[in-house]
Amino acid sequence: AGGLHMHTLGSRASLVVEHEDGTRSCAFDVPRWQFGWQLGYRLATPIEITPGDRLVLECAYDNSAGNQAVVDGVPRAPQDVTWGEDTYDEMCLGFVYVTRE
């Protein structure tokens, strides 16, 4: 289980396991991010992670005028956005739940 977390400017995200042997396993791939999807999800097929593997998180954002949040009926103007907890800030988080067999 695991999930991804971004705010309103997020456009796509993925979380991949790069195995030490060079193979890759995709945990999450969201090509068109929606703000309401920042929940936890159970994988249909668990992925084995072993020592030497790497988790790779990638997030992309769309800060164009056409993708701004509407506040009180008025679209916000594009502006510099930094990391923060406010809905109009941004984040790029991936999380996984790890269990032992």
Protein backbone atom coordinates (compact mmCIF):
# COMPACT_ATOMS: atom_id res chain seq x y z
CA ALA A 1 0.00 0.00 0.00
CA GLY A 2 1.07 3.57 -0.44
CA GLY A 3 0.23 6.71 -2.32
CA LEU A 4 1.22 10.06 -3.76
CA HIS A 5 0.59 13.59 -2.54
CA MET A 6 0.60 16.88 -4.44
CA HIS A 7 -1.64 19.94 -4.40
CA THR A 8 -3.56 21.85 -7.09
CA LEU A 9 -0.72 22.45 -9.57
CA GLY A 10 0.34 18.81 -9.75
CA SER A 11 -0.05 17.39 -13.25
CA ARG A 12 1.53 13.90 -13.10
CA ALA A 13 3.42 11.70 -10.66
CA SER A 14 5.03 8.28 -10.43
CA LEU A 15 6.77 6.11 -7.86
CA VAL A 16 9.04 3.39 -9.23
CA VAL A 17 11.29 0.81 -7.57
CA GLU A 18 14.67 0.52 -9.30
CA HIS A 19 15.89 -2.91 -8.30
CA GLU A 20 19.56 -3.56 -7.72
CA ASP A 21 19.55 -6.01 -10.68
CA GLY A 22 18.53 -3.18 -13.07
CA THR A 23 14.83 -4.06 -13.41
CA ARG A 24 12.07 -1.60 -12.49
CA SER A 25 8.68 -2.08 -10.82
CA CYS A 26 6.04 0.63 -11.04
CA ALA A 27 4.19 1.17 -7.77
CA PHE A 28 2.17 4.22 -8.91
CA ASP A 29 1.85 6.03 -12.23
CA VAL A 30 -0.66 8.88 -12.41
CA PRO A 31 -0.40 10.59 -15.81
CA ARG A 32 -3.15 13.15 -15.04
CA TRP A 33 -3.05 14.04 -11.36
CA GLN A 34 -6.23 15.15 -9.60
CA PHE A 35 -6.13 16.94 -6.22
CA GLY A 36 -8.63 14.53 -4.67
CA TRP A 37 -6.42 11.49 -5.25
CA GLN A 38 -4.06 12.13 -2.32
CA LEU A 39 -5.24 9.05 -0.45
CA GLY A 40 -3.62 5.74 0.38
CA TYR A 41 -4.08 2.84 -2.03
CA ARG A 42 -3.53 -0.90 -1.81
CA LEU A 43 -1.50 -2.35 -4.68
CA ALA A 44 -3.24 -5.15 -6.61
CA THR A 45 0.10 -7.02 -6.59
CA PRO A 46 2.63 -6.20 -3.85
CA ILE A 47 6.13 -5.23 -4.95
CA GLU A 48 9.14 -6.79 -3.27
CA ILE A 49 11.75 -4.27 -2.13
CA THR A 50 15.14 -5.65 -1.12
CA PRO A 51 18.35 -4.07 0.20
CA GLY A 52 20.07 -2.19 -2.63
CA ASP A 53 16.81 -1.20 -4.36
CA ARG A 54 15.93 2.50 -4.82
CA LEU A 55 12.59 4.27 -4.71
CA VAL A 56 12.32 6.95 -7.40
CA LEU A 57 9.60 9.60 -7.06
CA GLU A 58 8.85 11.98 -9.93
CA CYS A 59 6.30 14.80 -9.89
CA ALA A 60 5.45 17.38 -12.53
CA TYR A 61 3.49 20.61 -12.20
CA ASP A 62 1.44 22.88 -14.44
CA ASN A 63 1.66 26.50 -13.26
CA SER A 64 0.17 27.95 -16.45
CA ALA A 65 -2.62 30.53 -16.38
CA GLY A 66 -5.14 27.90 -17.47
CA ASN A 67 -4.38 25.61 -14.53
CA GLN A 68 -4.76 28.03 -11.62
CA ALA A 69 -7.12 27.49 -8.71
CA VAL A 70 -10.30 29.55 -8.62
CA VAL A 71 -10.73 31.46 -5.35
CA ASP A 72 -14.01 33.27 -4.69
CA GLY A 73 -14.91 32.90 -8.38
CA VAL A 74 -11.65 34.41 -9.64
CA PRO A 75 -8.74 32.39 -11.09
CA ARG A 76 -5.49 33.04 -9.26
CA ALA A 77 -2.69 34.61 -11.29
CA PRO A 78 0.35 32.36 -11.92
CA GLN A 79 3.04 33.06 -9.33
CA ASP A 80 6.17 31.48 -7.91
CA VAL A 81 5.20 28.48 -5.80
CA THR A 82 7.32 26.89 -3.08
CA TRP A 83 7.10 23.87 -0.81
CA GLY A 84 4.43 24.30 1.82
CA GLU A 85 1.38 22.86 3.49
CA ASP A 86 -1.14 25.39 2.16
CA THR A 87 -3.33 24.15 -0.69
CA TYR A 88 -1.80 26.83 -2.97
CA ASP A 89 1.75 25.79 -2.08
CA GLU A 90 3.06 22.52 -3.50
CA MET A 91 4.41 19.19 -2.34
CA CYS A 92 5.78 16.07 -3.95
CA LEU A 93 5.44 13.14 -1.57
CA GLY A 94 5.35 9.41 -2.15
CA PHE A 95 4.74 6.96 0.63
CA VAL A 96 4.82 3.20 0.93
CA TYR A 97 3.91 0.78 3.66
CA VAL A 98 6.53 -1.92 4.10
CA THR A 99 5.85 -5.25 5.76
CA ARG A 100 8.02 -8.27 6.47
CA GLU A 101 7.06 -11.73 5.36
